[in-house]
Every structure is written in structure tokens, then in C-alpha cells.
């Protein structure tokens, strides 16, 4: 995937923590450290959104829908 250069502003404490990770060779440079942090944050937000949407489901209604198909004969199912 193509990369794009962007400018960001960080407080000095955060930058020191990023630089410490680079100094300890956890990441090869600041860009990779910040990219990894951003990707992790976006991934967590996406998982949290999925969990939130799943929490809206009615377990009894979902169970009833799942069981609807179980009563049908197997020979009436479509071929795979």
C-alpha cells in the first residue's frame, strides 16, 4: 500500500516515549512507532464498534432465527 507523508504535533512527553521505543529498537524509527500505534488504536475502535453493535442484538430473537432453519429437512437445503 502506498504511504503518504503527514505532519503531526505531539507533546514533548509523548515524543520522548516514542524516541525511547526507537532507542530500545522496539521500532526502527518514529514513523513506524507512530504508524503502529495508530493502526492499533483504529483496530481497537473497530472491535469496540463491533462489540457495541453485537450488544444491541436480542439474544432470544437471534436464537429463534437460528432455530428456524433447523426444523427443515436436510434434503431441502441447497447444494453446495
C-alpha atoms as a PDB file:
ATOM      1  CA  UNK A   1       0.000   0.000   0.000  1.00  0.00           C
ATOM      2  CA  UNK A   2       1.277   3.458  -0.820  1.00  0.00           C
ATOM      3  CA  UNK A   3       2.363   5.627   2.036  1.00  0.00           C
ATOM      4  CA  UNK A   4       1.753   9.329   2.426  1.00  0.00           C
ATOM      5  CA  UNK A   5       3.811  11.730   4.484  1.00  0.00           C
ATOM      6  CA  UNK A   6       1.869  13.764   7.053  1.00  0.00           C
ATOM      7  CA  UNK A   7       2.884  16.193   9.754  1.00  0.00           C
ATOM      8  CA  UNK A   8       1.650  15.739  13.313  1.00  0.00           C
ATOM      9  CA  UNK A   9       2.059  17.646  16.531  1.00  0.00           C
ATOM     10  CA  UNK A  10       2.927  15.773  19.731  1.00  0.00           C
ATOM     11  CA  UNK A  11       3.573  16.968  23.228  1.00  0.00           C
ATOM     12  CA  UNK A  12       7.183  16.582  24.319  1.00  0.00           C
ATOM     13  CA  UNK A  13       6.403  13.792  26.785  1.00  0.00           C
ATOM     14  CA  UNK A  14       4.791  11.638  24.132  1.00  0.00           C
ATOM     15  CA  UNK A  15       7.671  12.254  21.738  1.00  0.00           C
ATOM     16  CA  UNK A  16      10.156  11.236  24.435  1.00  0.00           C
ATOM     17  CA  UNK A  17       8.267   7.966  24.904  1.00  0.00           C
ATOM     18  CA  UNK A  18       8.298   7.330  21.150  1.00  0.00           C
ATOM     19  CA  UNK A  19      12.007   8.133  20.993  1.00  0.00           C
ATOM     20  CA  UNK A  20      12.620   5.735  23.874  1.00  0.00           C
ATOM     21  CA  UNK A  21      10.949   2.930  21.901  1.00  0.00           C
ATOM     22  CA  UNK A  22      13.161   3.747  18.920  1.00  0.00           C
ATOM     23  CA  UNK A  23      16.277   3.880  21.120  1.00  0.00           C
ATOM     24  CA  UNK A  24      15.426   0.445  22.549  1.00  0.00           C
ATOM     25  CA  UNK A  25      14.982  -0.781  18.952  1.00  0.00           C
ATOM     26  CA  UNK A  26      11.331  -1.714  19.507  1.00  0.00           C
ATOM     27  CA  UNK A  27      10.667   0.242  16.301  1.00  0.00           C
ATOM     28  CA  UNK A  28      13.189   1.240  13.635  1.00  0.00           C
ATOM     29  CA  UNK A  29      12.094   4.901  13.621  1.00  0.00           C
ATOM     30  CA  UNK A  30       9.487   7.379  14.831  1.00  0.00           C
ATOM     31  CA  UNK A  31       7.306   6.912  11.774  1.00  0.00           C
ATOM     32  CA  UNK A  32       6.994   3.156  12.307  1.00  0.00           C
ATOM     33  CA  UNK A  33       6.267   3.618  16.018  1.00  0.00           C
ATOM     34  CA  UNK A  34       3.523   6.165  15.382  1.00  0.00           C
ATOM     35  CA  UNK A  35       2.106   4.125  12.487  1.00  0.00           C
ATOM     36  CA  UNK A  36       1.898   1.011  14.692  1.00  0.00           C
ATOM     37  CA  UNK A  37       0.222   2.963  17.485  1.00  0.00           C
ATOM     38  CA  UNK A  38      -2.328   4.468  15.128  1.00  0.00           C
ATOM     39  CA  UNK A  39      -3.105   1.125  13.477  1.00  0.00           C
ATOM     40  CA  UNK A  40      -3.587  -0.493  16.892  1.00  0.00           C
ATOM     41  CA  UNK A  41      -5.900   2.305  18.029  1.00  0.00           C
ATOM     42  CA  UNK A  42      -8.005   2.105  14.861  1.00  0.00           C
ATOM     43  CA  UNK A  43      -8.232  -1.667  15.197  1.00  0.00           C
ATOM     44  CA  UNK A  44      -9.380  -1.378  18.822  1.00  0.00           C
ATOM     45  CA  UNK A  45     -12.000   1.175  17.860  1.00  0.00           C
ATOM     46  CA  UNK A  46     -13.302  -1.124  15.128  1.00  0.00           C
ATOM     47  CA  UNK A  47     -13.501  -4.102  17.514  1.00  0.00           C
ATOM     48  CA  UNK A  48     -15.245  -1.940  20.124  1.00  0.00           C
ATOM     49  CA  UNK A  49     -17.770  -0.839  17.498  1.00  0.00           C
ATOM     50  CA  UNK A  50     -18.444  -4.448  16.522  1.00  0.00           C
ATOM     51  CA  UNK A  51     -18.914  -5.410  20.167  1.00  0.00           C
ATOM     52  CA  UNK A  52     -21.240  -2.453  20.652  1.00  0.00           C
ATOM     53  CA  UNK A  53     -23.351  -3.455  17.643  1.00  0.00           C
ATOM     54  CA  UNK A  54     -23.474  -7.070  18.827  1.00  0.00           C
ATOM     55  CA  UNK A  55     -24.661  -5.924  22.247  1.00  0.00           C
ATOM     56  CA  UNK A  56     -27.709  -4.389  20.564  1.00  0.00           C
ATOM     57  CA  UNK A  57     -28.854  -7.794  19.313  1.00  0.00           C
ATOM     58  CA  UNK A  58     -31.682  -9.548  21.131  1.00  0.00           C
ATOM     59  CA  UNK A  59     -30.333 -13.000  22.087  1.00  0.00           C
ATOM     60  CA  UNK A  60     -33.804 -14.591  22.099  1.00  0.00           C
ATOM     61  CA  UNK A  61     -34.648 -13.236  18.644  1.00  0.00           C
ATOM     62  CA  UNK A  62     -31.272 -14.361  17.287  1.00  0.00           C
ATOM     63  CA  UNK A  63     -31.778 -17.834  18.774  1.00  0.00           C
ATOM     64  CA  UNK A  64     -35.256 -18.072  17.250  1.00  0.00           C
ATOM     65  CA  UNK A  65     -33.924 -17.106  13.811  1.00  0.00           C
ATOM     66  CA  UNK A  66     -31.117 -19.662  14.103  1.00  0.00           C
ATOM     67  CA  UNK A  67     -33.542 -22.407  15.051  1.00  0.00           C
ATOM     68  CA  UNK A  68     -35.935 -21.671  12.177  1.00  0.00           C
ATOM     69  CA  UNK A  69     -33.667 -23.435   9.717  1.00  0.00           C
ATOM     70  CA  UNK A  70     -33.018 -26.393  11.996  1.00  0.00           C
ATOM     71  CA  UNK A  71     -36.537 -27.749  11.599  1.00  0.00           C
ATOM     72  CA  UNK A  72     -36.280 -28.049   7.822  1.00  0.00           C
ATOM     73  CA  UNK A  73     -35.400 -31.329   6.161  1.00  0.00           C
ATOM     74  CA  UNK A  74     -31.788 -31.675   5.128  1.00  0.00           C
ATOM     75  CA  UNK A  75     -32.735 -32.701   1.595  1.00  0.00           C
ATOM     76  CA  UNK A  76     -34.382 -29.317   1.043  1.00  0.00           C
ATOM     77  CA  UNK A  77     -31.145 -27.426   1.628  1.00  0.00           C
ATOM     78  CA  UNK A  78     -29.428 -26.052  -1.450  1.00  0.00           C
ATOM     79  CA  UNK A  79     -26.454 -27.966  -2.859  1.00  0.00           C
ATOM     80  CA  UNK A  80     -23.037 -26.533  -2.097  1.00  0.00           C
END
